[in-house]
N, C-alpha and C. Protein backbone atom coordinates (compact mmCIF):
# COMPACT_ATOMS: atom_id res chain seq x y z
N MET A 1 -5.60 -4.97 11.65
CA MET A 1 -4.48 -3.78 11.58
C MET A 1 -3.12 -4.50 11.43
N ASN A 2 -2.65 -3.69 10.34
CA ASN A 2 -0.97 -3.88 10.36
C ASN A 2 -0.71 -4.44 11.07
N LYS A 3 -0.11 -5.97 10.72
CA LYS A 3 1.21 -6.58 11.65
C LYS A 3 2.93 -5.73 12.18
N PRO A 4 3.71 -4.28 13.18
CA PRO A 4 4.26 -4.14 12.61
C PRO A 4 5.56 -5.19 12.00
N TYR A 5 6.62 -4.51 11.18
CA TYR A 5 7.38 -4.93 10.15
C TYR A 5 8.65 -3.70 10.64
N SER A 6 10.46 -5.06 11.29
CA SER A 6 11.23 -4.31 10.46
C SER A 6 12.31 -5.59 9.98
N PHE A 7 13.06 -4.56 9.19
CA PHE A 7 14.41 -5.44 8.50
C PHE A 7 14.78 -6.27 9.82
N ASN A 8 15.36 -7.49 9.85
CA ASN A 8 16.35 -7.96 10.37
C ASN A 8 18.16 -6.99 9.89
N GLU A 9 19.50 -7.83 11.05
CA GLU A 9 20.25 -7.71 10.88
C GLU A 9 21.06 -7.21 9.09
N GLU A 10 20.48 -8.58 9.18
CA GLU A 10 20.86 -8.78 7.41
C GLU A 10 20.86 -8.50 6.14
N GLN A 11 19.19 -8.37 6.72
CA GLN A 11 18.92 -6.89 5.80
C GLN A 11 19.23 -5.74 5.34
N MET A 12 19.14 -4.78 6.88
CA MET A 12 19.74 -3.85 7.38
C MET A 12 21.23 -3.56 6.76
N ASN A 13 21.89 -4.19 6.87
CA ASN A 13 23.61 -4.11 6.22
C ASN A 13 23.51 -4.53 5.47
N GLY A 14 22.22 -5.44 4.48
CA GLY A 14 22.95 -5.73 2.96
C GLY A 14 21.83 -4.83 2.01
N ILE A 15 20.94 -4.84 2.18
CA ILE A 15 19.53 -4.33 1.28
C ILE A 15 18.89 -3.04 0.90
N VAL A 16 19.07 -3.00 2.70
CA VAL A 16 18.47 -1.63 3.43
C VAL A 16 19.65 -0.33 3.52
N GLU A 17 21.03 -0.53 3.91
CA GLU A 17 21.98 0.38 3.44
C GLU A 17 21.58 0.48 1.91
N GLU A 18 22.21 -0.13 0.71
CA GLU A 18 22.28 -0.39 -0.28
C GLU A 18 21.37 0.39 -0.58
N ILE A 19 19.89 0.85 -1.09
CA ILE A 19 18.89 1.18 -0.73
C ILE A 19 19.09 1.89 -1.11
N TYR A 20 19.58 2.75 0.74
CA TYR A 20 20.01 4.31 1.53
C TYR A 20 20.55 4.54 1.03
N ALA A 21 22.01 4.22 0.62
CA ALA A 21 22.54 5.11 0.01
C ALA A 21 23.06 5.31 -1.89
N ASN A 22 21.72 3.74 -2.77
CA ASN A 22 21.16 4.37 -3.71
C ASN A 22 20.88 5.64 -4.27
N ILE A 23 19.64 5.91 -2.43
CA ILE A 23 18.72 7.24 -3.36
C ILE A 23 19.58 8.01 -2.34
N ILE A 24 20.61 8.10 -1.89
CA ILE A 24 20.97 9.51 -1.41
C ILE A 24 22.42 10.39 -2.67
N LYS A 25 22.78 9.17 -3.59
CA LYS A 25 23.56 9.48 -4.57
C LYS A 25 22.25 9.85 -5.35
N GLU A 26 21.63 9.19 -5.18
CA GLU A 26 20.65 9.64 -6.96
C GLU A 26 19.99 11.03 -6.79
N CYS A 27 20.24 11.19 -5.05
CA CYS A 27 19.59 13.28 -5.12
C CYS A 27 20.11 13.79 -5.44
N GLU A 28 21.70 13.44 -4.78
CA GLU A 28 22.68 14.72 -5.44
C GLU A 28 22.91 14.33 -7.31
N LYS A 29 22.97 13.61 -7.77
CA LYS A 29 22.95 12.95 -8.48
C LYS A 29 22.03 15.13 -9.33
N LEU A 30 20.74 14.29 -9.20
CA LEU A 30 19.25 15.72 -9.32
C LEU A 30 19.66 17.33 -9.32
N ILE A 31 20.32 17.32 -8.01
CA ILE A 31 21.07 18.85 -7.00
C ILE A 31 21.84 18.91 -7.95
N LYS A 32 23.21 17.89 -7.94
CA LYS A 32 23.94 18.44 -9.32
C LYS A 32 24.51 18.44 -10.71
N GLU A 33 23.17 17.51 -11.76
CA GLU A 33 22.50 18.13 -12.38
C GLU A 33 21.39 19.26 -13.65
N THR A 34 20.60 19.33 -11.95
CA THR A 34 19.33 20.58 -12.48
C THR A 34 19.56 21.69 -11.16
N ASN A 35 20.63 21.61 -11.21
CA ASN A 35 21.26 23.44 -9.83
C ASN A 35 19.46 23.36 -8.68
N CYS A 36 18.82 22.07 -8.05
CA CYS A 36 17.81 21.81 -8.11
C CYS A 36 17.97 21.92 -6.51
N SER A 37 17.47 23.11 -5.63
CA SER A 37 16.86 23.31 -4.63
C SER A 37 17.00 21.30 -3.36
N ASN A 38 17.18 22.14 -1.50
CA ASN A 38 17.73 20.56 -1.62
C ASN A 38 15.84 20.48 -0.72
N GLU A 39 15.10 22.16 -0.92
CA GLU A 39 13.39 21.39 -0.96
C GLU A 39 12.93 20.77 -1.75
N GLN A 40 13.18 21.04 -2.67
CA GLN A 40 13.20 20.91 -4.20
C GLN A 40 12.76 19.14 -4.13
N VAL A 41 13.89 18.43 -3.65
CA VAL A 41 14.07 17.06 -2.73
C VAL A 41 13.04 16.45 -2.04
N VAL A 42 13.05 17.44 -1.06
CA VAL A 42 12.66 16.67 -0.10
C VAL A 42 11.13 16.98 -1.01
N ALA A 43 10.91 17.79 -1.45
CA ALA A 43 9.40 18.05 -1.29
C ALA A 43 9.18 16.85 -2.83
N LEU A 44 10.06 16.01 -3.71
CA LEU A 44 10.16 14.70 -4.56
C LEU A 44 10.00 13.53 -3.40
N LEU A 45 11.12 13.52 -2.70
CA LEU A 45 10.78 12.64 -1.82
C LEU A 45 9.00 12.06 -0.55
N SER A 46 9.00 14.24 -0.84
CA SER A 46 7.86 13.50 -0.35
C SER A 46 6.08 12.70 -0.77
N VAL A 47 6.21 12.80 -2.32
CA VAL A 47 5.63 12.31 -3.79
C VAL A 47 6.09 10.93 -3.68
N ILE A 48 7.41 10.52 -3.38
CA ILE A 48 7.71 9.14 -3.48
C ILE A 48 7.32 8.02 -2.25
N ALA A 49 7.35 9.30 -0.69
CA ALA A 49 6.90 8.42 0.31
C ALA A 49 5.41 8.48 -0.09
N SER A 50 4.40 8.82 -0.02
CA SER A 50 3.04 9.33 -0.13
C SER A 50 2.51 8.15 -0.84
N LYS A 51 3.28 7.54 -1.87
CA LYS A 51 2.99 5.93 -3.21
C LYS A 51 3.02 4.88 -1.69
N TYR A 52 3.68 4.81 -0.98
CA TYR A 52 3.28 4.22 0.02
C TYR A 52 2.72 4.52 1.73
N ALA A 53 2.82 5.61 1.10
CA ALA A 53 1.83 5.94 2.60
C ALA A 53 0.45 5.17 2.63
N PRO A 54 -0.54 4.71 4.24
CA PRO A 54 -1.51 3.68 3.91
C PRO A 54 -2.57 4.84 3.57
N ILE A 55 -3.36 4.23 3.40
CA ILE A 55 -4.77 5.18 3.04
C ILE A 55 -5.50 5.31 3.97
N ILE A 56 -6.12 6.51 4.85
CA ILE A 56 -6.40 7.27 5.80
C ILE A 56 -7.32 7.43 5.11
N GLU A 57 -8.83 6.32 5.78
CA GLU A 57 -9.83 6.93 5.69
C GLU A 57 -10.98 8.28 6.42
N HIS A 58 -11.70 9.42 5.95
CA HIS A 58 -12.07 10.13 6.94
C HIS A 58 -13.70 9.34 7.08
N LYS A 59 -14.23 9.36 8.49
CA LYS A 59 -15.37 8.83 8.56
C LYS A 59 -15.81 10.39 8.88
N GLN A 60 -17.17 11.17 8.42
CA GLN A 60 -18.21 11.71 8.51
C GLN A 60 -19.67 11.73 9.55
N ASN A 61 -19.50 11.93 10.36
CA ASN A 61 -20.48 12.50 11.12
C ASN A 61 -21.74 12.79 10.70
C-alpha cells in the first residue's frame, strides 16, 4: 500500500498555490475562447484526473 503524502506548508504556499491558480486561469481561458459550459470543463478535468488515479483491479470470484 502506498504511504500517505501531504504537501508541506512551504509547498502549499508555493508550487501548489501556483499550479492551482494556473489551472483555474486556463479553465477560464478555455470557457472564454470556446464558450463551453462548466460541465465541459469538469469533464475535461475528470479525464485529466483519471490519468493520476490508481488502477483498481476487480477480482472475480
